[in-house]
Amino acid sequence: KPTSVLELVNAFERVNGVKVPHKIVGRRPGDVEAVWADTTLANNEL
């Protein structure tokens, strides 16, 4: 399941009832835009 960085921050605040001050800055070298797993093989084989 893909989750965005901002979704994760918002979920953390909601679950724990605390604020996480944050700001948007430029992209970081080496980061890819999106990646998530197909876990079918691990689910079925392992």
PDB file of all heavy atoms in Angstrom:
ATOM      1  N   LYS A   1       0.848  -1.205   0.000  1.00  0.00           N
ATOM      2  CA  LYS A   1       0.000   0.000   0.000  1.00  0.00           C
ATOM      3  C   LYS A   1       0.879   1.249   0.000  1.00  0.00           C
ATOM      4  O   LYS A   1       1.705   1.425   0.898  1.00  0.00           O
ATOM      5  CB  LYS A   1      -0.880   0.035   1.255  1.00  0.00           C
ATOM      6  CG  LYS A   1      -1.814  -1.149   1.411  1.00  0.00           C
ATOM      7  CD  LYS A   1      -2.742  -0.936   2.611  1.00  0.00           C
ATOM      8  CE  LYS A   1      -3.547  -2.178   2.904  1.00  0.00           C
ATOM      9  NZ  LYS A   1      -2.939  -3.040   3.928  1.00  0.00           N
ATOM     10  N   PRO A   2       0.704   2.150  -0.982  1.00  0.00           N
ATOM     11  CA  PRO A   2       1.483   3.387  -0.978  1.00  0.00           C
ATOM     12  C   PRO A   2       0.898   4.431  -0.027  1.00  0.00           C
ATOM     13  O   PRO A   2      -0.322   4.582   0.072  1.00  0.00           O
ATOM     14  CB  PRO A   2       1.389   3.865  -2.428  1.00  0.00           C
ATOM     15  CG  PRO A   2       0.089   3.325  -2.924  1.00  0.00           C
ATOM     16  CD  PRO A   2      -0.159   2.037  -2.178  1.00  0.00           C
ATOM     17  N   THR A   3       1.788   5.119   0.680  1.00  0.00           N
ATOM     18  CA  THR A   3       1.398   6.231   1.561  1.00  0.00           C
ATOM     19  C   THR A   3       2.350   7.382   1.277  1.00  0.00           C
ATOM     20  O   THR A   3       3.562   7.177   1.193  1.00  0.00           O
ATOM     21  CB  THR A   3       1.514   5.823   3.042  1.00  0.00           C
ATOM     22  OG1 THR A   3       0.692   4.679   3.290  1.00  0.00           O
ATOM     23  CG2 THR A   3       1.083   6.956   3.973  1.00  0.00           C
ATOM     24  N   SER A   4       1.813   8.595   1.138  1.00  0.00           N
ATOM     25  CA  SER A   4       2.692   9.734   0.869  1.00  0.00           C
ATOM     26  C   SER A   4       3.314  10.237   2.170  1.00  0.00           C
ATOM     27  O   SER A   4       2.816   9.967   3.269  1.00  0.00           O
ATOM     28  CB  SER A   4       1.922  10.861   0.189  1.00  0.00           C
ATOM     29  OG  SER A   4       1.156  11.577   1.138  1.00  0.00           O
ATOM     30  N   VAL A   5       4.388  10.996   2.010  1.00  0.00           N
ATOM     31  CA  VAL A   5       5.063  11.587   3.172  1.00  0.00           C
ATOM     32  C   VAL A   5       4.091  12.469   3.955  1.00  0.00           C
ATOM     33  O   VAL A   5       4.004  12.376   5.194  1.00  0.00           O
ATOM     34  CB  VAL A   5       6.297  12.393   2.722  1.00  0.00           C
ATOM     35  CG1 VAL A   5       6.887  13.179   3.891  1.00  0.00           C
ATOM     36  CG2 VAL A   5       7.346  11.471   2.122  1.00  0.00           C
ATOM     37  N   LEU A   6       3.339  13.286   3.255  1.00  0.00           N
ATOM     38  CA  LEU A   6       2.395  14.179   3.944  1.00  0.00           C
ATOM     39  C   LEU A   6       1.259  13.394   4.596  1.00  0.00           C
ATOM     40  O   LEU A   6       0.812  13.740   5.702  1.00  0.00           O
ATOM     41  CB  LEU A   6       1.849  15.229   2.980  1.00  0.00           C
ATOM     42  CG  LEU A   6       2.861  16.307   2.558  1.00  0.00           C
ATOM     43  CD1 LEU A   6       2.313  17.166   1.425  1.00  0.00           C
ATOM     44  CD2 LEU A   6       3.272  17.184   3.744  1.00  0.00           C
ATOM     45  N   GLU A   7       0.807  12.329   3.945  1.00  0.00           N
ATOM     46  CA  GLU A   7      -0.219  11.467   4.563  1.00  0.00           C
ATOM     47  C   GLU A   7       0.303  10.858   5.854  1.00  0.00           C
ATOM     48  O   GLU A   7      -0.429  10.754   6.845  1.00  0.00           O
ATOM     49  CB  GLU A   7      -0.615  10.345   3.601  1.00  0.00           C
ATOM     50  CG  GLU A   7      -1.556  10.742   2.495  1.00  0.00           C
ATOM     51  CD  GLU A   7      -1.840   9.594   1.542  1.00  0.00           C
ATOM     52  OE1 GLU A   7      -0.948   8.748   1.302  1.00  0.00           O
ATOM     53  OE2 GLU A   7      -2.959   9.544   1.022  1.00  0.00           O
ATOM     54  N   LEU A   8       1.572  10.452   5.843  1.00  0.00           N
ATOM     55  CA  LEU A   8       2.158   9.832   7.028  1.00  0.00           C
ATOM     56  C   LEU A   8       2.237  10.840   8.180  1.00  0.00           C
ATOM     57  O   LEU A   8       1.898  10.510   9.324  1.00  0.00           O
ATOM     58  CB  LEU A   8       3.553   9.286   6.710  1.00  0.00           C
ATOM     59  CG  LEU A   8       4.117   8.359   7.782  1.00  0.00           C
ATOM     60  CD1 LEU A   8       3.532   6.960   7.649  1.00  0.00           C
ATOM     61  CD2 LEU A   8       5.629   8.268   7.704  1.00  0.00           C
ATOM     62  N   VAL A   9       2.666  12.052   7.869  1.00  0.00           N
ATOM     63  CA  VAL A   9       2.740  13.104   8.901  1.00  0.00           C
ATOM     64  C   VAL A   9       1.352  13.363   9.489  1.00  0.00           C
ATOM     65  O   VAL A   9       1.169  13.417  10.717  1.00  0.00           O
ATOM     66  CB  VAL A   9       3.332  14.403   8.319  1.00  0.00           C
ATOM     67  CG1 VAL A   9       3.252  15.539   9.345  1.00  0.00           C
ATOM     68  CG2 VAL A   9       4.791  14.188   7.889  1.00  0.00           C
ATOM     69  N   ASN A  10       0.356  13.479   8.618  1.00  0.00           N
ATOM     70  CA  ASN A  10      -1.013  13.745   9.078  1.00  0.00           C
ATOM     71  C   ASN A  10      -1.559  12.583   9.906  1.00  0.00           C
ATOM     72  O   ASN A  10      -2.235  12.792  10.925  1.00  0.00           O
ATOM     73  CB  ASN A  10      -1.933  14.013   7.879  1.00  0.00           C
ATOM     74  CG  ASN A  10      -1.586  15.315   7.178  1.00  0.00           C
ATOM     75  OD1 ASN A  10      -1.020  16.217   7.798  1.00  0.00           O
ATOM     76  ND2 ASN A  10      -1.900  15.417   5.897  1.00  0.00           N
ATOM     77  N   ALA A  11      -1.253  11.354   9.482  1.00  0.00           N
ATOM     78  CA  ALA A  11      -1.714  10.174  10.227  1.00  0.00           C
ATOM     79  C   ALA A  11      -1.069  10.132  11.611  1.00  0.00           C
ATOM     80  O   ALA A  11      -1.727   9.822  12.608  1.00  0.00           O
ATOM     81  CB  ALA A  11      -1.400   8.900   9.452  1.00  0.00           C
ATOM     82  N   PHE A  12       0.214  10.470  11.682  1.00  0.00           N
ATOM     83  CA  PHE A  12       0.912  10.483  12.976  1.00  0.00           C
ATOM     84  C   PHE A  12       0.254  11.482  13.921  1.00  0.00           C
ATOM     85  O   PHE A  12       0.006  11.180  15.098  1.00  0.00           O
ATOM     86  CB  PHE A  12       2.391  10.831  12.786  1.00  0.00           C
ATOM     87  CG  PHE A  12       3.186  10.816  14.062  1.00  0.00           C
ATOM     88  CD1 PHE A  12       3.787   9.651  14.497  1.00  0.00           C
ATOM     89  CD2 PHE A  12       3.301  11.952  14.854  1.00  0.00           C
ATOM     90  CE1 PHE A  12       4.493   9.614  15.694  1.00  0.00           C
ATOM     91  CE2 PHE A  12       4.013  11.936  16.043  1.00  0.00           C
ATOM     92  CZ  PHE A  12       4.606  10.766  16.459  1.00  0.00           C
ATOM     93  N   GLU A  13      -0.060  12.671  13.413  1.00  0.00           N
ATOM     94  CA  GLU A  13      -0.700  13.692  14.245  1.00  0.00           C
ATOM     95  C   GLU A  13      -2.066  13.217  14.726  1.00  0.00           C
ATOM     96  O   GLU A  13      -2.419  13.383  15.900  1.00  0.00           O
ATOM     97  CB  GLU A  13      -0.851  14.989  13.442  1.00  0.00           C
ATOM     98  CG  GLU A  13       0.471  15.686  13.146  1.00  0.00           C
ATOM     99  CD  GLU A  13       0.290  17.017  12.427  1.00  0.00           C
ATOM    100  OE1 GLU A  13      -0.708  17.175  11.672  1.00  0.00           O
ATOM    101  OE2 GLU A  13       1.138  17.912  12.616  1.00  0.00           O
ATOM    102  N   ARG A  14      -2.828  12.592  13.813  1.00  0.00           N
ATOM    103  CA  ARG A  14      -4.183  12.133  14.166  1.00  0.00           C
ATOM    104  C   ARG A  14      -4.143  10.999  15.196  1.00  0.00           C
ATOM    105  O   ARG A  14      -4.868  11.027  16.196  1.00  0.00           O
ATOM    106  CB  ARG A  14      -4.892  11.653  12.884  1.00  0.00           C
ATOM    107  CG  ARG A  14      -6.236  10.974  13.124  1.00  0.00           C
ATOM    108  CD  ARG A  14      -6.885  10.523  11.829  1.00  0.00           C
ATOM    109  NE  ARG A  14      -6.032   9.671  11.008  1.00  0.00           N
ATOM    110  CZ  ARG A  14      -5.800   8.385  11.258  1.00  0.00           C
ATOM    111  NH1 ARG A  14      -6.328   7.787  12.325  1.00  0.00           N
ATOM    112  NH2 ARG A  14      -5.028   7.675  10.444  1.00  0.00           N
ATOM    113  N   VAL A  15      -3.285  10.026  14.976  1.00  0.00           N
ATOM    114  CA  VAL A  15      -3.231   8.841  15.845  1.00  0.00           C
ATOM    115  C   VAL A  15      -2.766   9.210  17.250  1.00  0.00           C
ATOM    116  O   VAL A  15      -3.289   8.710  18.252  1.00  0.00           O
ATOM    117  CB  VAL A  15      -2.295   7.769  15.234  1.00  0.00           C
ATOM    118  CG1 VAL A  15      -1.975   6.676  16.243  1.00  0.00           C
ATOM    119  CG2 VAL A  15      -2.918   7.168  13.987  1.00  0.00           C
ATOM    120  N   ASN A  16      -1.774  10.096  17.319  1.00  0.00           N
ATOM    121  CA  ASN A  16      -1.120  10.370  18.604  1.00  0.00           C
ATOM    122  C   ASN A  16      -1.546  11.682  19.261  1.00  0.00           C
ATOM    123  O   ASN A  16      -1.162  11.964  20.398  1.00  0.00           O
ATOM    124  CB  ASN A  16       0.400  10.343  18.412  1.00  0.00           C
ATOM    125  CG  ASN A  16       0.888   8.962  18.005  1.00  0.00           C
ATOM    126  OD1 ASN A  16       0.594   7.974  18.687  1.00  0.00           O
ATOM    127  ND2 ASN A  16       1.589   8.871  16.888  1.00  0.00           N
ATOM    128  N   GLY A  17      -2.365  12.468  18.557  1.00  0.00           N
ATOM    129  CA  GLY A  17      -2.856  13.715  19.140  1.00  0.00           C
ATOM    130  C   GLY A  17      -1.768  14.723  19.432  1.00  0.00           C
ATOM    131  O   GLY A  17      -1.836  15.467  20.417  1.00  0.00           O
ATOM    132  N   VAL A  18      -0.727  14.721  18.580  1.00  0.00           N
ATOM    133  CA  VAL A  18       0.360  15.697  18.748  1.00  0.00           C
ATOM    134  C   VAL A  18       0.606  16.395  17.419  1.00  0.00           C
ATOM    135  O   VAL A  18       0.310  15.861  16.358  1.00  0.00           O
ATOM    136  CB  VAL A  18       1.674  15.023  19.228  1.00  0.00           C
ATOM    137  CG1 VAL A  18       1.560  14.563  20.661  1.00  0.00           C
ATOM    138  CG2 VAL A  18       2.073  13.866  18.327  1.00  0.00           C
ATOM    139  N   LYS A  19       1.168  17.586  17.499  1.00  0.00           N
ATOM    140  CA  LYS A  19       1.475  18.337  16.292  1.00  0.00           C
ATOM    141  C   LYS A  19       2.918  18.091  15.859  1.00  0.00           C
ATOM    142  O   LYS A  19       3.816  17.937  16.702  1.00  0.00           O
ATOM    143  CB  LYS A  19       1.298  19.851  16.562  1.00  0.00           C
ATOM    144  CG  LYS A  19      -0.161  20.308  16.514  1.00  0.00           C
ATOM    145  CD  LYS A  19      -0.788  19.862  15.235  1.00  0.00           C
ATOM    146  CE  LYS A  19      -1.913  20.649  14.667  1.00  0.00           C
ATOM    147  NZ  LYS A  19      -2.505  19.891  13.525  1.00  0.00           N
ATOM    148  N   VAL A  20       3.130  18.054  14.553  1.00  0.00           N
ATOM    149  CA  VAL A  20       4.472  17.908  13.994  1.00  0.00           C
ATOM    150  C   VAL A  20       4.731  19.109  13.080  1.00  0.00           C
ATOM    151  O   VAL A  20       4.307  19.114  11.916  1.00  0.00           O
ATOM    152  CB  VAL A  20       4.612  16.600  13.186  1.00  0.00           C
ATOM    153  CG1 VAL A  20       6.029  16.477  12.621  1.00  0.00           C
ATOM    154  CG2 VAL A  20       4.276  15.385  14.047  1.00  0.00           C
ATOM    155  N   PRO A  21       5.361  20.173  13.598  1.00  0.00           N
ATOM    156  CA  PRO A  21       5.662  21.320  12.745  1.00  0.00           C
ATOM    157  C   PRO A  21       6.501  20.875  11.541  1.00  0.00           C
ATOM    158  O   PRO A  21       7.492  20.155  11.711  1.00  0.00           O
ATOM    159  CB  PRO A  21       6.473  22.249  13.654  1.00  0.00           C
ATOM    160  CG  PRO A  21       6.170  21.796  15.044  1.00  0.00           C
ATOM    161  CD  PRO A  21       5.886  20.330  14.964  1.00  0.00           C
ATOM    162  N   HIS A  22       6.076  21.262  10.338  1.00  0.00           N
ATOM    163  CA  HIS A  22       6.830  20.849   9.158  1.00  0.00           C
ATOM    164  C   HIS A  22       6.769  21.918   8.077  1.00  0.00           C
ATOM    165  O   HIS A  22       5.862  22.747   8.050  1.00  0.00           O
ATOM    166  CB  HIS A  22       6.329  19.506   8.622  1.00  0.00           C
ATOM    167  CG  HIS A  22       4.870  19.470   8.275  1.00  0.00           C
ATOM    168  ND1 HIS A  22       3.889  19.281   9.224  1.00  0.00           N
ATOM    169  CD2 HIS A  22       4.224  19.592   7.085  1.00  0.00           C
ATOM    170  CE1 HIS A  22       2.694  19.287   8.630  1.00  0.00           C
ATOM    171  NE2 HIS A  22       2.871  19.483   7.344  1.00  0.00           N
ATOM    172  N   LYS A  23       7.771  21.876   7.209  1.00  0.00           N
ATOM    173  CA  LYS A  23       7.828  22.828   6.094  1.00  0.00           C
ATOM    174  C   LYS A  23       8.248  22.071   4.841  1.00  0.00           C
ATOM    175  O   LYS A  23       8.928  21.034   4.917  1.00  0.00           O
ATOM    176  CB  LYS A  23       8.829  23.947   6.386  1.00  0.00           C
ATOM    177  CG  LYS A  23      10.271  23.469   6.507  1.00  0.00           C
ATOM    178  CD  LYS A  23      11.263  24.599   6.720  1.00  0.00           C
ATOM    179  CE  LYS A  23      12.685  24.042   6.868  1.00  0.00           C
ATOM    180  NZ  LYS A  23      13.678  25.068   7.153  1.00  0.00           N
ATOM    181  N   ILE A  24       7.822  22.598   3.697  1.00  0.00           N
ATOM    182  CA  ILE A  24       8.216  22.007   2.427  1.00  0.00           C
ATOM    183  C   ILE A  24       9.542  22.621   1.996  1.00  0.00           C
ATOM    184  O   ILE A  24       9.708  23.844   2.006  1.00  0.00           O
ATOM    185  CB  ILE A  24       7.151  22.282   1.338  1.00  0.00           C
ATOM    186  CG1 ILE A  24       5.751  21.871   1.822  1.00  0.00           C
ATOM    187  CG2 ILE A  24       7.525  21.572   0.041  1.00  0.00           C
ATOM    188  CD1 ILE A  24       5.551  20.418   2.079  1.00  0.00           C
ATOM    189  N   VAL A  25      10.494  21.756   1.641  1.00  0.00           N
ATOM    190  CA  VAL A  25      11.777  22.242   1.107  1.00  0.00           C
ATOM    191  C   VAL A  25      12.009  21.564  -0.251  1.00  0.00           C
ATOM    192  O   VAL A  25      11.172  20.795  -0.719  1.00  0.00           O
ATOM    193  CB  VAL A  25      12.945  21.938   2.087  1.00  0.00           C
ATOM    194  CG1 VAL A  25      12.736  22.667   3.403  1.00  0.00           C
ATOM    195  CG2 VAL A  25      13.103  20.443   2.321  1.00  0.00           C
ATOM    196  N   GLY A  26      13.156  21.843  -0.865  1.00  0.00           N
ATOM    197  CA  GLY A  26      13.442  21.275  -2.184  1.00  0.00           C
ATOM    198  C   GLY A  26      13.628  19.769  -2.142  1.00  0.00           C
ATOM    199  O   GLY A  26      13.800  19.158  -1.083  1.00  0.00           O
ATOM    200  N   ARG A  27      13.564  19.167  -3.300  1.00  0.00           N
ATOM    201  CA  ARG A  27      13.776  17.717  -3.408  1.00  0.00           C
ATOM    202  C   ARG A  27      15.171  17.330  -2.906  1.00  0.00           C
ATOM    203  O   ARG A  27      16.104  18.145  -2.955  1.00  0.00           O
ATOM    204  CB  ARG A  27      13.630  17.275  -4.868  1.00  0.00           C
ATOM    205  CG  ARG A  27      12.240  17.462  -5.441  1.00  0.00           C
ATOM    206  CD  ARG A  27      12.179  16.896  -6.842  1.00  0.00           C
ATOM    207  NE  ARG A  27      10.857  17.075  -7.453  1.00  0.00           N
ATOM    208  CZ  ARG A  27      10.482  16.462  -8.576  1.00  0.00           C
ATOM    209  NH1 ARG A  27      11.314  15.650  -9.203  1.00  0.00           N
ATOM    210  NH2 ARG A  27       9.267  16.666  -9.074  1.00  0.00           N
ATOM    211  N   ARG A  28      15.298  16.099  -2.447  1.00  0.00           N
ATOM    212  CA  ARG A  28      16.571  15.605  -1.905  1.00  0.00           C
ATOM    213  C   ARG A  28      17.251  14.711  -2.945  1.00  0.00           C
ATOM    214  O   ARG A  28      16.592  13.844  -3.534  1.00  0.00           O
ATOM    215  CB  ARG A  28      16.295  14.818  -0.622  1.00  0.00           C
ATOM    216  CG  ARG A  28      17.533  14.269   0.066  1.00  0.00           C
ATOM    217  CD  ARG A  28      17.186  13.666   1.409  1.00  0.00           C
ATOM    218  NE  ARG A  28      16.206  12.586   1.326  1.00  0.00           N
ATOM    219  CZ  ARG A  28      15.792  11.873   2.365  1.00  0.00           C
ATOM    220  NH1 ARG A  28      16.257  12.136   3.571  1.00  0.00           N
ATOM    221  NH2 ARG A  28      14.891  10.915   2.210  1.00  0.00           N
ATOM    222  N   PRO A  29      18.557  14.878  -3.162  1.00  0.00           N
ATOM    223  CA  PRO A  29      19.255  14.023  -4.134  1.00  0.00           C
ATOM    224  C   PRO A  29      19.101  12.542  -3.771  1.00  0.00           C
ATOM    225  O   PRO A  29      19.209  12.174  -2.604  1.00  0.00           O
ATOM    226  CB  PRO A  29      20.729  14.449  -4.016  1.00  0.00           C
ATOM    227  CG  PRO A  29      20.700  15.788  -3.374  1.00  0.00           C
ATOM    228  CD  PRO A  29      19.464  15.837  -2.521  1.00  0.00           C
ATOM    229  N   GLY A  30      18.841  11.721  -4.769  1.00  0.00           N
ATOM    230  CA  GLY A  30      18.746  10.273  -4.548  1.00  0.00           C
ATOM    231  C   GLY A  30      17.341   9.773  -4.274  1.00  0.00           C
ATOM    232  O   GLY A  30      17.096   8.568  -4.308  1.00  0.00           O
ATOM    233  N   ASP A  31      16.392  10.656  -3.975  1.00  0.00           N
ATOM    234  CA  ASP A  31      15.015  10.223  -3.707  1.00  0.00           C
ATOM    235  C   ASP A  31      14.291   9.884  -5.011  1.00  0.00           C
ATOM    236  O   ASP A  31      14.414  10.602  -5.999  1.00  0.00           O
ATOM    237  CB  ASP A  31      14.223  11.327  -2.991  1.00  0.00           C
ATOM    238  CG  ASP A  31      14.489  11.377  -1.498  1.00  0.00           C
ATOM    239  OD1 ASP A  31      15.070  10.411  -0.975  1.00  0.00           O
ATOM    240  OD2 ASP A  31      14.131  12.384  -0.864  1.00  0.00           O
ATOM    241  N   VAL A  32      13.526   8.790  -4.997  1.00  0.00           N
ATOM    242  CA  VAL A  32      12.663   8.482  -6.136  1.00  0.00           C
ATOM    243  C   VAL A  32      11.250   8.963  -5.822  1.00  0.00           C
ATOM    244  O   VAL A  32      10.881   9.163  -4.663  1.00  0.00           O
ATOM    245  CB  VAL A  32      12.660   6.976  -6.487  1.00  0.00           C
ATOM    246  CG1 VAL A  32      14.048   6.520  -6.890  1.00  0.00           C
ATOM    247  CG2 VAL A  32      12.132   6.135  -5.337  1.00  0.00           C
ATOM    248  N   GLU A  33      10.462   9.147  -6.869  1.00  0.00           N
ATOM    249  CA  GLU A  33       9.134   9.736  -6.707  1.00  0.00           C
ATOM    250  C   GLU A  33       8.168   8.805  -5.971  1.00  0.00           C
ATOM    251  O   GLU A  33       7.470   9.215  -5.044  1.00  0.00           O
ATOM    252  CB  GLU A  33       8.572  10.054  -8.098  1.00  0.00           C
ATOM    253  CG  GLU A  33       7.205  10.703  -8.089  1.00  0.00           C
ATOM    254  CD  GLU A  33       6.855  11.225  -9.474  1.00  0.00           C
ATOM    255  OE1 GLU A  33       7.252  12.363  -9.786  1.00  0.00           O
ATOM    256  OE2 GLU A  33       6.221  10.481 -10.244  1.00  0.00           O
ATOM    257  N   ALA A  34       8.130   7.559  -6.410  1.00  0.00           N
ATOM    258  CA  ALA A  34       7.149   6.620  -5.847  1.00  0.00           C
ATOM    259  C   ALA A  34       7.649   5.196  -5.981  1.00  0.00           C
ATOM    260  O   ALA A  34       8.197   4.817  -7.022  1.00  0.00           O
ATOM    261  CB  ALA A  34       5.812   6.768  -6.571  1.00  0.00           C
ATOM    262  N   VAL A  35       7.488   4.422  -4.933  1.00  0.00           N
ATOM    263  CA  VAL A  35       7.774   2.988  -5.023  1.00  0.00           C
ATOM    264  C   VAL A  35       7.000   2.261  -3.932  1.00  0.00           C
ATOM    265  O   VAL A  35       6.943   2.714  -2.791  1.00  0.00           O
ATOM    266  CB  VAL A  35       9.305   2.705  -4.929  1.00  0.00           C
ATOM    267  CG1 VAL A  35       9.876   3.103  -3.580  1.00  0.00           C
ATOM    268  CG2 VAL A  35       9.617   1.251  -5.260  1.00  0.00           C
ATOM    269  N   TRP A  36       6.329   1.197  -4.343  1.00  0.00           N
ATOM    270  CA  TRP A  36       5.697   0.316  -3.357  1.00  0.00           C
ATOM    271  C   TRP A  36       5.691  -1.101  -3.890  1.00  0.00           C
ATOM    272  O   TRP A  36       5.971  -1.337  -5.065  1.00  0.00           O
ATOM    273  CB  TRP A  36       4.296   0.800  -2.955  1.00  0.00           C
ATOM    274  CG  TRP A  36       3.225   0.770  -3.998  1.00  0.00           C
ATOM    275  CD1 TRP A  36       2.341  -0.239  -4.241  1.00  0.00           C
ATOM    276  CD2 TRP A  36       2.885   1.820  -4.921  1.00  0.00           C
ATOM    277  NE1 TRP A  36       1.486   0.105  -5.252  1.00  0.00           N
ATOM    278  CE2 TRP A  36       1.791   1.363  -5.681  1.00  0.00           C
ATOM    279  CE3 TRP A  36       3.395   3.097  -5.158  1.00  0.00           C
ATOM    280  CZ2 TRP A  36       1.206   2.143  -6.692  1.00  0.00           C
ATOM    281  CZ3 TRP A  36       2.811   3.864  -6.162  1.00  0.00           C
ATOM    282  CH2 TRP A  36       1.736   3.388  -6.908  1.00  0.00           C
ATOM    283  N   ALA A  37       5.428  -2.044  -3.005  1.00  0.00           N
ATOM    284  CA  ALA A  37       5.679  -3.454  -3.289  1.00  0.00           C
ATOM    285  C   ALA A  37       4.448  -4.183  -3.797  1.00  0.00           C
ATOM    286  O   ALA A  37       3.329  -3.929  -3.355  1.00  0.00           O
ATOM    287  CB  ALA A  37       6.163  -4.149  -2.013  1.00  0.00           C
ATOM    288  N   ASP A  38       4.700  -5.123  -4.700  1.00  0.00           N
ATOM    289  CA  ASP A  38       3.772  -6.236  -4.909  1.00  0.00           C
ATOM    290  C   ASP A  38       4.298  -7.362  -4.021  1.00  0.00           C
ATOM    291  O   ASP A  38       5.419  -7.834  -4.204  1.00  0.00           O
ATOM    292  CB  ASP A  38       3.773  -6.654  -6.378  1.00  0.00           C
ATOM    293  CG  ASP A  38       2.782  -7.789  -6.664  1.00  0.00           C
ATOM    294  OD1 ASP A  38       2.649  -8.702  -5.813  1.00  0.00           O
ATOM    295  OD2 ASP A  38       2.158  -7.773  -7.735  1.00  0.00           O
ATOM    296  N   THR A  39       3.515  -7.757  -3.035  1.00  0.00           N
ATOM    297  CA  THR A  39       3.999  -8.739  -2.042  1.00  0.00           C
ATOM    298  C   THR A  39       3.435 -10.145  -2.285  1.00  0.00           C
ATOM    299  O   THR A  39       3.541 -11.009  -1.426  1.00  0.00           O
ATOM    300  CB  THR A  39       3.629  -8.297  -0.614  1.00  0.00           C
ATOM    301  OG1 THR A  39       2.201  -8.190  -0.517  1.00  0.00           O
ATOM    302  CG2 THR A  39       4.254  -6.955  -0.272  1.00  0.00           C
ATOM    303  N   THR A  40       2.881 -10.373  -3.471  1.00  0.00           N
ATOM    304  CA  THR A  40       2.230 -11.665  -3.758  1.00  0.00           C
ATOM    305  C   THR A  40       3.167 -12.840  -3.533  1.00  0.00           C
ATOM    306  O   THR A  40       2.781 -13.852  -2.939  1.00  0.00           O
ATOM    307  CB  THR A  40       1.724 -11.688  -5.216  1.00  0.00           C
ATOM    308  OG1 THR A  40       0.903 -10.542  -5.434  1.00  0.00           O
ATOM    309  CG2 THR A  40       0.931 -12.942  -5.502  1.00  0.00           C
ATOM    310  N   LEU A  41       4.413 -12.721  -4.004  1.00  0.00           N
ATOM    311  CA  LEU A  41       5.356 -13.841  -3.897  1.00  0.00           C
ATOM    312  C   LEU A  41       5.642 -14.177  -2.433  1.00  0.00           C
ATOM    313  O   LEU A  41       5.600 -15.354  -2.033  1.00  0.00           O
ATOM    314  CB  LEU A  41       6.649 -13.520  -4.640  1.00  0.00           C
ATOM    315  CG  LEU A  41       7.635 -14.689  -4.758  1.00  0.00           C
ATOM    316  CD1 LEU A  41       7.079 -15.798  -5.650  1.00  0.00           C
ATOM    317  CD2 LEU A  41       8.979 -14.214  -5.308  1.00  0.00           C
ATOM    318  N   ALA A  42       5.934 -13.151  -1.627  1.00  0.00           N
ATOM    319  CA  ALA A  42       6.210 -13.396  -0.203  1.00  0.00           C
ATOM    320  C   ALA A  42       4.971 -13.958   0.492  1.00  0.00           C
ATOM    321  O   ALA A  42       5.071 -14.859   1.336  1.00  0.00           O
ATOM    322  CB  ALA A  42       6.669 -12.106   0.485  1.00  0.00           C
ATOM    323  N   ASN A  43       3.804 -13.430   0.144  1.00  0.00           N
ATOM    324  CA  ASN A  43       2.554 -13.918   0.752  1.00  0.00           C
ATOM    325  C   ASN A  43       2.348 -15.400   0.430  1.00  0.00           C
ATOM    326  O   ASN A  43       2.024 -16.201   1.309  1.00  0.00           O
ATOM    327  CB  ASN A  43       1.352 -13.120   0.253  1.00  0.00           C
ATOM    328  CG  ASN A  43       1.406 -11.626   0.597  1.00  0.00           C
ATOM    329  OD1 ASN A  43       0.721 -10.830  -0.030  1.00  0.00           O
ATOM    330  ND2 ASN A  43       2.237 -11.223   1.551  1.00  0.00           N
ATOM    331  N   ASN A  44       2.552 -15.773  -0.830  1.00  0.00           N
ATOM    332  CA  ASN A  44       2.246 -17.135  -1.272  1.00  0.00           C
ATOM    333  C   ASN A  44       3.361 -18.129  -0.962  1.00  0.00           C
ATOM    334  O   ASN A  44       3.102 -19.248  -0.517  1.00  0.00           O
ATOM    335  CB  ASN A  44       1.947 -17.159  -2.782  1.00  0.00           C
ATOM    336  CG  ASN A  44       0.682 -16.400  -3.117  1.00  0.00           C
ATOM    337  OD1 ASN A  44      -0.131 -16.112  -2.245  1.00  0.00           O
ATOM    338  ND2 ASN A  44       0.516 -16.055  -4.378  1.00  0.00           N
ATOM    339  N   GLU A  45       4.620 -17.726  -1.211  1.00  0.00           N
ATOM    340  CA  GLU A  45       5.736 -18.661  -1.046  1.00  0.00           C
ATOM    341  C   GLU A  45       6.200 -18.773   0.403  1.00  0.00           C
ATOM    342  O   GLU A  45       6.473 -19.859   0.888  1.00  0.00           O
ATOM    343  CB  GLU A  45       6.916 -18.207  -1.920  1.00  0.00           C
ATOM    344  CG  GLU A  45       6.871 -18.721  -3.335  1.00  0.00           C
ATOM    345  CD  GLU A  45       6.947 -20.234  -3.425  1.00  0.00           C
ATOM    346  OE1 GLU A  45       7.816 -20.836  -2.780  1.00  0.00           O
ATOM    347  OE2 GLU A  45       6.105 -20.816  -4.124  1.00  0.00           O
ATOM    348  N   LEU A  46       6.318 -17.632   1.072  1.00  0.00           N
ATOM    349  CA  LEU A  46       6.792 -17.652   2.456  1.00  0.00           C
ATOM    350  C   LEU A  46       5.644 -17.859   3.444  1.00  0.00           C
ATOM    351  O   LEU A  46       5.866 -18.189   4.603  1.00  0.00           O
ATOM    352  CB  LEU A  46       7.500 -16.330   2.799  1.00  0.00           C
ATOM    353  CG  LEU A  46       8.811 -16.016   2.076  1.00  0.00           C
ATOM    354  CD1 LEU A  46       9.337 -14.656   2.493  1.00  0.00           C
ATOM    355  CD2 LEU A  46       9.859 -17.092   2.337  1.00  0.00           C
TER     356      LEU A  46
END
